Protein backbone atom coordinates (compact mmCIF):
# COMPACT_ATOMS: atom_id res chain seq x y z
CA GLN A 1 -38.72 -49.28 33.78
CA VAL A 2 -39.21 -45.60 32.93
CA HIS A 3 -36.09 -43.51 32.56
CA LEU A 4 -36.10 -39.75 31.99
CA VAL A 5 -32.98 -37.78 31.04
CA GLU A 6 -33.02 -33.98 30.85
CA SER A 7 -30.56 -31.86 28.90
CA GLY A 8 -30.25 -28.38 27.46
CA GLY A 9 -29.72 -26.32 30.58
CA GLY A 10 -27.08 -23.65 30.85
CA LEU A 11 -26.31 -20.01 31.48
CA VAL A 12 -28.26 -17.38 29.56
CA GLN A 13 -28.80 -13.64 29.88
CA ALA A 14 -32.15 -12.22 30.87
CA GLY A 15 -34.40 -11.96 27.84
CA GLY A 16 -32.76 -14.92 26.17
CA SER A 17 -34.07 -18.38 25.32
CA LEU A 18 -33.24 -22.00 26.06
CA ARG A 19 -34.81 -25.28 25.02
CA LEU A 20 -34.77 -28.14 27.49
CA SER A 21 -35.13 -31.74 26.37
CA CYS A 22 -36.35 -34.80 28.25
CA ALA A 23 -35.58 -38.08 26.54
CA ALA A 24 -37.87 -40.85 27.76
CA SER A 25 -37.34 -44.59 27.67
CA GLY A 26 -39.85 -47.18 28.80
CA ARG A 27 -42.63 -44.68 28.21
CA THR A 28 -44.33 -43.26 25.11
CA VAL A 29 -44.50 -39.51 25.64
CA SER A 30 -47.55 -39.15 23.40
CA SER A 31 -49.62 -41.54 25.53
CA TYR A 32 -49.01 -40.28 29.07
CA PRO A 33 -49.06 -36.91 30.78
CA MET A 34 -45.56 -35.44 30.85
CA ALA A 35 -44.58 -32.52 33.04
CA TRP A 36 -41.80 -30.09 33.87
CA PHE A 37 -41.09 -28.85 37.39
CA ARG A 38 -38.34 -26.66 38.77
CA GLN A 39 -36.65 -26.21 42.10
CA VAL A 40 -34.48 -23.61 43.73
CA PRO A 41 -32.31 -24.84 46.64
CA GLY A 42 -34.16 -24.43 49.91
CA LYS A 43 -37.55 -24.11 48.22
CA GLU A 44 -40.33 -26.48 47.25
CA ARG A 45 -40.27 -28.02 43.81
CA GLU A 46 -42.80 -26.10 41.72
CA PHE A 47 -44.89 -26.95 38.71
CA VAL A 48 -43.97 -25.38 35.38
CA ALA A 49 -45.94 -27.11 32.62
CA VAL A 50 -47.68 -30.33 31.66
CA ILE A 51 -48.95 -31.86 28.44
CA THR A 52 -51.70 -34.45 28.45
CA TRP A 53 -53.52 -36.41 25.75
CA ASN A 54 -57.11 -37.26 24.90
CA ILE A 55 -58.26 -40.49 23.27
CA TRP A 56 -57.56 -39.03 19.84
CA SER A 57 -53.97 -38.22 20.87
CA VAL A 58 -54.63 -34.49 20.79
CA GLY A 59 -52.48 -32.73 23.35
CA THR A 60 -53.62 -30.17 25.89
CA THR A 61 -51.13 -28.04 27.79
CA TYR A 62 -51.25 -26.31 31.14
CA TYR A 63 -48.78 -23.80 32.54
CA ALA A 64 -47.92 -22.12 35.79
CA ASP A 65 -49.01 -18.49 35.77
CA SER A 66 -45.40 -17.41 36.18
CA VAL A 67 -44.38 -18.89 32.82
CA LYS A 68 -47.58 -18.61 30.81
CA GLY A 69 -46.95 -16.85 27.50
CA ARG A 70 -43.18 -17.40 27.74
CA PHE A 71 -42.69 -21.18 27.96
CA ILE A 72 -44.00 -23.87 25.62
CA ILE A 73 -44.14 -27.60 26.31
CA SER A 74 -44.18 -29.92 23.33
CA THR A 75 -43.22 -33.42 22.24
CA ASP A 76 -41.40 -35.04 19.36
CA ASN A 77 -43.03 -38.45 19.19
CA ALA A 78 -40.48 -39.83 16.74
CA LYS A 79 -37.71 -39.06 19.23
CA ASN A 80 -39.89 -39.86 22.25
CA THR A 81 -38.77 -36.58 23.77
CA VAL A 82 -40.51 -33.80 25.64
CA TYR A 83 -39.31 -30.22 25.20
CA LEU A 84 -39.63 -27.04 27.20
CA GLN A 85 -39.00 -23.97 25.07
CA MET A 86 -38.23 -21.10 27.42
CA ASN A 87 -38.36 -17.56 26.02
CA SER A 88 -38.00 -14.12 27.58
CA LEU A 89 -36.13 -15.68 30.47
CA LYS A 90 -35.92 -13.82 33.77
CA PRO A 91 -33.46 -14.20 36.66
CA GLU A 92 -36.29 -15.69 38.72
CA ASP A 93 -36.45 -18.59 36.26
CA THR A 94 -33.09 -19.75 37.61
CA ALA A 95 -33.58 -23.27 38.99
CA ILE A 96 -32.96 -26.94 38.40
CA TYR A 97 -35.55 -28.16 35.92
CA TYR A 98 -36.97 -31.67 36.20
CA CYS A 99 -39.00 -33.79 33.82
CA ALA A 100 -41.70 -35.96 35.43
CA ALA A 101 -44.11 -38.69 34.40
CA PRO A 102 -46.85 -40.62 36.18
CA GLU A 103 -47.25 -44.36 36.24
CA SER A 104 -50.84 -44.05 34.99
CA ARG A 105 -52.24 -42.53 31.80
CA ARG A 106 -54.83 -40.84 33.98
CA PHE A 107 -54.63 -37.04 34.14
CA TYR A 108 -55.16 -35.97 37.70
CA SER A 109 -56.77 -32.70 38.71
CA ASP A 110 -53.81 -32.01 41.00
CA TYR A 111 -51.40 -32.14 38.06
CA ALA A 112 -49.55 -29.11 39.49
CA SER A 113 -48.52 -31.03 42.60
CA GLN A 114 -45.77 -33.65 42.74
CA ARG A 115 -48.17 -36.36 43.93
CA PRO A 116 -49.27 -37.79 40.55
CA TYR A 117 -45.73 -38.23 39.26
CA ASP A 118 -43.84 -41.44 39.86
CA TYR A 119 -40.79 -40.92 37.67
CA TRP A 120 -38.35 -38.03 37.69
CA GLY A 121 -35.23 -37.18 35.76
CA GLN A 122 -31.98 -36.08 37.36
CA GLY A 123 -32.56 -32.41 36.50
CA THR A 124 -30.77 -29.80 34.44
CA GLN A 125 -29.55 -26.45 35.76
CA VAL A 126 -30.82 -23.24 34.20
CA THR A 127 -29.17 -19.99 35.27
CA VAL A 128 -30.44 -16.63 34.03
CA SER A 129 -28.15 -13.67 34.62
CA SER A 130 -29.45 -10.12 34.94
């Protein structure tokens, strides 16, 4: 059973930074694609970032255009945790942030959709004030 628990959300001023954590159990974060999504009430859940691994365990990252250059996804394999470092935050980054993982190690071309992901955390609220 895969269990994902997010933490690290909070209230921050525009221009500030936050680091979100996603602690995984039942899943080795360095062996499977791991993603972050976010959702604003009344809107679709949207892709933020994903990290995936080749056969040599070298990670490749992909980002939504809206966060590219400001957010960084990474892992701490010893802690089996995925991070999302968020810098230069904007009010439009306000959302509930979710960690997600697929059942399969396969990296799907539609990684920015919700379809490949079978496991989701409960979410953590990020609020950016102007």
